[in-house]
Each structure stands twice: as C-alpha cells, then as structure tokens.
PDB file of all heavy atoms in Angstrom:
ATOM      1  N   SER A   1     -22.058   0.180  -2.662  1.00  0.00           N
ATOM      2  CA  SER A   1     -20.929  -0.333  -1.909  1.00  0.00           C
ATOM      3  C   SER A   1     -20.114   0.867  -1.457  1.00  0.00           C
ATOM      4  O   SER A   1     -19.968   1.845  -2.199  1.00  0.00           O
ATOM      5  CB  SER A   1     -20.059  -1.242  -2.773  1.00  0.00           C
ATOM      6  OG  SER A   1     -20.786  -2.394  -3.134  1.00  0.00           O
ATOM      7  N   ILE A   2     -19.598   0.796  -0.227  1.00  0.00           N
ATOM      8  CA  ILE A   2     -18.881   1.931   0.357  1.00  0.00           C
ATOM      9  C   ILE A   2     -17.561   1.454   0.937  1.00  0.00           C
ATOM     10  O   ILE A   2     -17.506   0.432   1.616  1.00  0.00           O
ATOM     11  CB  ILE A   2     -19.725   2.599   1.458  1.00  0.00           C
ATOM     12  CG1 ILE A   2     -21.069   3.079   0.900  1.00  0.00           C
ATOM     13  CG2 ILE A   2     -18.961   3.749   2.110  1.00  0.00           C
ATOM     14  CD1 ILE A   2     -22.046   3.570   1.950  1.00  0.00           C
ATOM     15  N   GLY A   3     -16.510   2.201   0.683  1.00  0.00           N
ATOM     16  CA  GLY A   3     -15.205   1.965   1.291  1.00  0.00           C
ATOM     17  C   GLY A   3     -14.920   3.059   2.297  1.00  0.00           C
ATOM     18  O   GLY A   3     -15.037   4.239   1.977  1.00  0.00           O
ATOM     19  N   VAL A   4     -14.573   2.674   3.518  1.00  0.00           N
ATOM     20  CA  VAL A   4     -14.290   3.614   4.609  1.00  0.00           C
ATOM     21  C   VAL A   4     -12.840   3.425   5.038  1.00  0.00           C
ATOM     22  O   VAL A   4     -12.355   2.295   5.113  1.00  0.00           O
ATOM     23  CB  VAL A   4     -15.238   3.358   5.801  1.00  0.00           C
ATOM     24  CG1 VAL A   4     -14.925   4.296   6.958  1.00  0.00           C
ATOM     25  CG2 VAL A   4     -16.692   3.484   5.382  1.00  0.00           C
ATOM     26  N   ALA A   5     -12.149   4.509   5.333  1.00  0.00           N
ATOM     27  CA  ALA A   5     -10.753   4.429   5.781  1.00  0.00           C
ATOM     28  C   ALA A   5     -10.527   5.347   6.972  1.00  0.00           C
ATOM     29  O   ALA A   5     -11.165   6.391   7.088  1.00  0.00           O
ATOM     30  CB  ALA A   5      -9.815   4.817   4.643  1.00  0.00           C
ATOM     31  N   THR A   6      -9.618   4.938   7.825  1.00  0.00           N
ATOM     32  CA  THR A   6      -9.226   5.784   8.949  1.00  0.00           C
ATOM     33  C   THR A   6      -8.256   6.857   8.462  1.00  0.00           C
ATOM     34  O   THR A   6      -7.607   6.701   7.432  1.00  0.00           O
ATOM     35  CB  THR A   6      -8.530   4.968  10.053  1.00  0.00           C
ATOM     36  OG1 THR A   6      -7.376   4.337   9.495  1.00  0.00           O
ATOM     37  CG2 THR A   6      -9.446   3.939  10.650  1.00  0.00           C
ATOM     38  N   ILE A   7      -8.172   7.924   9.230  1.00  0.00           N
ATOM     39  CA  ILE A   7      -7.222   9.001   8.932  1.00  0.00           C
ATOM     40  C   ILE A   7      -6.341   9.174  10.158  1.00  0.00           C
ATOM     41  O   ILE A   7      -6.838   9.325  11.271  1.00  0.00           O
ATOM     42  CB  ILE A   7      -7.946  10.327   8.629  1.00  0.00           C
ATOM     43  CG1 ILE A   7      -8.866  10.171   7.420  1.00  0.00           C
ATOM     44  CG2 ILE A   7      -6.935  11.444   8.400  1.00  0.00           C
ATOM     45  CD1 ILE A   7      -9.739  11.390   7.155  1.00  0.00           C
ATOM     46  N   SER A   8      -5.028   9.155   9.935  1.00  0.00           N
ATOM     47  CA  SER A   8      -4.101   9.421  11.034  1.00  0.00           C
ATOM     48  C   SER A   8      -3.281  10.662  10.715  1.00  0.00           C
ATOM     49  O   SER A   8      -3.272  11.145   9.583  1.00  0.00           O
ATOM     50  CB  SER A   8      -3.198   8.213  11.301  1.00  0.00           C
ATOM     51  OG  SER A   8      -2.417   7.927  10.170  1.00  0.00           O
ATOM     52  N   SER A   9      -2.589  11.167  11.692  1.00  0.00           N
ATOM     53  CA  SER A   9      -1.891  12.447  11.538  1.00  0.00           C
ATOM     54  C   SER A   9      -0.792  12.413  10.479  1.00  0.00           C
ATOM     55  O   SER A   9      -0.467  13.448   9.904  1.00  0.00           O
ATOM     56  CB  SER A   9      -1.297  12.885  12.878  1.00  0.00           C
ATOM     57  OG  SER A   9      -0.391  11.907  13.346  1.00  0.00           O
ATOM     58  N   ASP A  10      -0.228  11.256  10.199  1.00  0.00           N
ATOM     59  CA  ASP A  10       0.841  11.185   9.198  1.00  0.00           C
ATOM     60  C   ASP A  10       0.337  10.814   7.804  1.00  0.00           C
ATOM     61  O   ASP A  10       1.127  10.612   6.892  1.00  0.00           O
ATOM     62  CB  ASP A  10       1.926  10.207   9.649  1.00  0.00           C
ATOM     63  CG  ASP A  10       1.406   8.794   9.844  1.00  0.00           C
ATOM     64  OD1 ASP A  10       0.197   8.627  10.070  1.00  0.00           O
ATOM     65  OD2 ASP A  10       2.223   7.856   9.776  1.00  0.00           O
ATOM     66  N   ASP A  11      -0.977  10.758   7.611  1.00  0.00           N
ATOM     67  CA  ASP A  11      -1.554  10.431   6.312  1.00  0.00           C
ATOM     68  C   ASP A  11      -1.535  11.620   5.365  1.00  0.00           C
ATOM     69  O   ASP A  11      -1.661  12.769   5.779  1.00  0.00           O
ATOM     70  CB  ASP A  11      -3.020  10.007   6.461  1.00  0.00           C
ATOM     71  CG  ASP A  11      -3.186   8.548   6.745  1.00  0.00           C
ATOM     72  OD1 ASP A  11      -2.381   7.751   6.245  1.00  0.00           O
ATOM     73  OD2 ASP A  11      -4.127   8.195   7.473  1.00  0.00           O
ATOM     74  N   SER A  12      -1.438  11.304   4.088  1.00  0.00           N
ATOM     75  CA  SER A  12      -1.688  12.300   3.052  1.00  0.00           C
ATOM     76  C   SER A  12      -3.099  12.053   2.530  1.00  0.00           C
ATOM     77  O   SER A  12      -3.693  11.003   2.780  1.00  0.00           O
ATOM     78  CB  SER A  12      -0.674  12.145   1.910  1.00  0.00           C
ATOM     79  OG  SER A  12      -0.897  10.929   1.215  1.00  0.00           O
ATOM     80  N   VAL A  13      -3.619  13.015   1.819  1.00  0.00           N
ATOM     81  CA  VAL A  13      -4.944  12.850   1.221  1.00  0.00           C
ATOM     82  C   VAL A  13      -4.929  11.638   0.297  1.00  0.00           C
ATOM     83  O   VAL A  13      -5.852  10.819   0.314  1.00  0.00           O
ATOM     84  CB  VAL A  13      -5.363  14.123   0.450  1.00  0.00           C
ATOM     85  CG1 VAL A  13      -6.628  13.886  -0.346  1.00  0.00           C
ATOM     86  CG2 VAL A  13      -5.541  15.289   1.402  1.00  0.00           C
ATOM     87  N   ILE A  14      -3.875  11.497  -0.468  1.00  0.00           N
ATOM     88  CA  ILE A  14      -3.770  10.383  -1.417  1.00  0.00           C
ATOM     89  C   ILE A  14      -3.786   9.043  -0.696  1.00  0.00           C
ATOM     90  O   ILE A  14      -4.474   8.105  -1.123  1.00  0.00           O
ATOM     91  CB  ILE A  14      -2.493  10.518  -2.282  1.00  0.00           C
ATOM     92  CG1 ILE A  14      -2.555  11.778  -3.141  1.00  0.00           C
ATOM     93  CG2 ILE A  14      -2.281   9.276  -3.139  1.00  0.00           C
ATOM     94  CD1 ILE A  14      -3.689  11.812  -4.135  1.00  0.00           C
ATOM     95  N   SER A  15      -3.055   8.914   0.411  1.00  0.00           N
ATOM     96  CA  SER A  15      -2.999   7.617   1.106  1.00  0.00           C
ATOM     97  C   SER A  15      -4.364   7.235   1.680  1.00  0.00           C
ATOM     98  O   SER A  15      -4.756   6.065   1.638  1.00  0.00           O
ATOM     99  CB  SER A  15      -1.926   7.628   2.200  1.00  0.00           C
ATOM    100  OG  SER A  15      -2.254   8.528   3.238  1.00  0.00           O
ATOM    101  N   VAL A  16      -5.105   8.211   2.195  1.00  0.00           N
ATOM    102  CA  VAL A  16      -6.443   7.923   2.717  1.00  0.00           C
ATOM    103  C   VAL A  16      -7.377   7.505   1.583  1.00  0.00           C
ATOM    104  O   VAL A  16      -8.116   6.523   1.699  1.00  0.00           O
ATOM    105  CB  VAL A  16      -7.025   9.135   3.470  1.00  0.00           C
ATOM    106  CG1 VAL A  16      -8.465   8.888   3.879  1.00  0.00           C
ATOM    107  CG2 VAL A  16      -6.176   9.459   4.683  1.00  0.00           C
ATOM    108  N   LEU A  17      -7.334   8.236   0.483  1.00  0.00           N
ATOM    109  CA  LEU A  17      -8.187   7.898  -0.661  1.00  0.00           C
ATOM    110  C   LEU A  17      -7.832   6.532  -1.242  1.00  0.00           C
ATOM    111  O   LEU A  17      -8.720   5.776  -1.648  1.00  0.00           O
ATOM    112  CB  LEU A  17      -8.091   8.975  -1.737  1.00  0.00           C
ATOM    113  CG  LEU A  17      -8.719  10.318  -1.377  1.00  0.00           C
ATOM    114  CD1 LEU A  17      -8.483  11.335  -2.486  1.00  0.00           C
ATOM    115  CD2 LEU A  17     -10.200  10.170  -1.092  1.00  0.00           C
ATOM    116  N   GLU A  18      -6.555   6.198  -1.262  1.00  0.00           N
ATOM    117  CA  GLU A  18      -6.145   4.890  -1.765  1.00  0.00           C
ATOM    118  C   GLU A  18      -6.690   3.769  -0.878  1.00  0.00           C
ATOM    119  O   GLU A  18      -7.156   2.741  -1.385  1.00  0.00           O
ATOM    120  CB  GLU A  18      -4.626   4.796  -1.857  1.00  0.00           C
ATOM    121  CG  GLU A  18      -4.050   5.566  -3.019  1.00  0.00           C
ATOM    122  CD  GLU A  18      -2.527   5.604  -3.035  1.00  0.00           C
ATOM    123  OE1 GLU A  18      -1.893   5.296  -1.994  1.00  0.00           O
ATOM    124  OE2 GLU A  18      -1.973   5.945  -4.092  1.00  0.00           O
ATOM    125  N   ARG A  19      -6.651   3.954   0.444  1.00  0.00           N
ATOM    126  CA  ARG A  19      -7.181   2.935   1.353  1.00  0.00           C
ATOM    127  C   ARG A  19      -8.700   2.813   1.217  1.00  0.00           C
ATOM    128  O   ARG A  19      -9.243   1.703   1.192  1.00  0.00           O
ATOM    129  CB  ARG A  19      -6.789   3.236   2.799  1.00  0.00           C
ATOM    130  CG  ARG A  19      -5.335   2.936   3.086  1.00  0.00           C
ATOM    131  CD  ARG A  19      -5.051   2.827   4.561  1.00  0.00           C
ATOM    132  NE  ARG A  19      -5.546   3.931   5.367  1.00  0.00           N
ATOM    133  CZ  ARG A  19      -4.889   5.072   5.563  1.00  0.00           C
ATOM    134  NH1 ARG A  19      -3.718   5.281   5.009  1.00  0.00           N
ATOM    135  NH2 ARG A  19      -5.410   6.005   6.318  1.00  0.00           N
ATOM    136  N   ALA A  20      -9.386   3.937   1.125  1.00  0.00           N
ATOM    137  CA  ALA A  20     -10.848   3.896   0.943  1.00  0.00           C
ATOM    138  C   ALA A  20     -11.196   3.238  -0.389  1.00  0.00           C
ATOM    139  O   ALA A  20     -12.138   2.450  -0.474  1.00  0.00           O
ATOM    140  CB  ALA A  20     -11.432   5.300   1.026  1.00  0.00           C
ATOM    141  N   ASP A  21     -10.425   3.544  -1.425  1.00  0.00           N
ATOM    142  CA  ASP A  21     -10.659   2.946  -2.740  1.00  0.00           C
ATOM    143  C   ASP A  21     -10.418   1.438  -2.706  1.00  0.00           C
ATOM    144  O   ASP A  21     -11.184   0.666  -3.278  1.00  0.00           O
ATOM    145  CB  ASP A  21      -9.750   3.612  -3.771  1.00  0.00           C
ATOM    146  CG  ASP A  21     -10.104   3.233  -5.194  1.00  0.00           C
ATOM    147  OD1 ASP A  21     -11.279   3.393  -5.578  1.00  0.00           O
ATOM    148  OD2 ASP A  21      -9.189   2.784  -5.927  1.00  0.00           O
ATOM    149  N   SER A  22      -9.387   0.996  -2.005  1.00  0.00           N
ATOM    150  CA  SER A  22      -9.118  -0.439  -1.864  1.00  0.00           C
ATOM    151  C   SER A  22     -10.265  -1.130  -1.138  1.00  0.00           C
ATOM    152  O   SER A  22     -10.680  -2.232  -1.520  1.00  0.00           O
ATOM    153  CB  SER A  22      -7.810  -0.672  -1.105  1.00  0.00           C
ATOM    154  OG  SER A  22      -6.719  -0.220  -1.857  1.00  0.00           O
ATOM    155  N   ALA A  23     -10.768  -0.497  -0.092  1.00  0.00           N
ATOM    156  CA  ALA A  23     -11.903  -1.064   0.645  1.00  0.00           C
ATOM    157  C   ALA A  23     -13.139  -1.126  -0.247  1.00  0.00           C
ATOM    158  O   ALA A  23     -13.888  -2.110  -0.223  1.00  0.00           O
ATOM    159  CB  ALA A  23     -12.188  -0.246   1.901  1.00  0.00           C
ATOM    160  N   LEU A  24     -13.361  -0.103  -1.053  1.00  0.00           N
ATOM    161  CA  LEU A  24     -14.495  -0.090  -1.971  1.00  0.00           C
ATOM    162  C   LEU A  24     -14.402  -1.234  -2.977  1.00  0.00           C
ATOM    163  O   LEU A  24     -15.375  -1.947  -3.220  1.00  0.00           O
ATOM    164  CB  LEU A  24     -14.569   1.249  -2.708  1.00  0.00           C
ATOM    165  CG  LEU A  24     -15.586   1.340  -3.838  1.00  0.00           C
ATOM    166  CD1 LEU A  24     -16.996   1.108  -3.327  1.00  0.00           C
ATOM    167  CD2 LEU A  24     -15.470   2.690  -4.531  1.00  0.00           C
TER     168      LEU A  24
END
C-alpha cells in the first residue's frame, strides 16, 4: 500500500510526510 502527497511551496517536510502517512 502506498500513500502519495502533493508538495507545495509553503509545505514543511513534516506536513508532507503527515499527509502521505494519512493516505497510507
């Protein structure tokens, strides 16, 4: 199972990882 998240210019590494983890 894979969680994918978008990255925007105002993201932190933590926020992207949290979104990918939620999707996973």
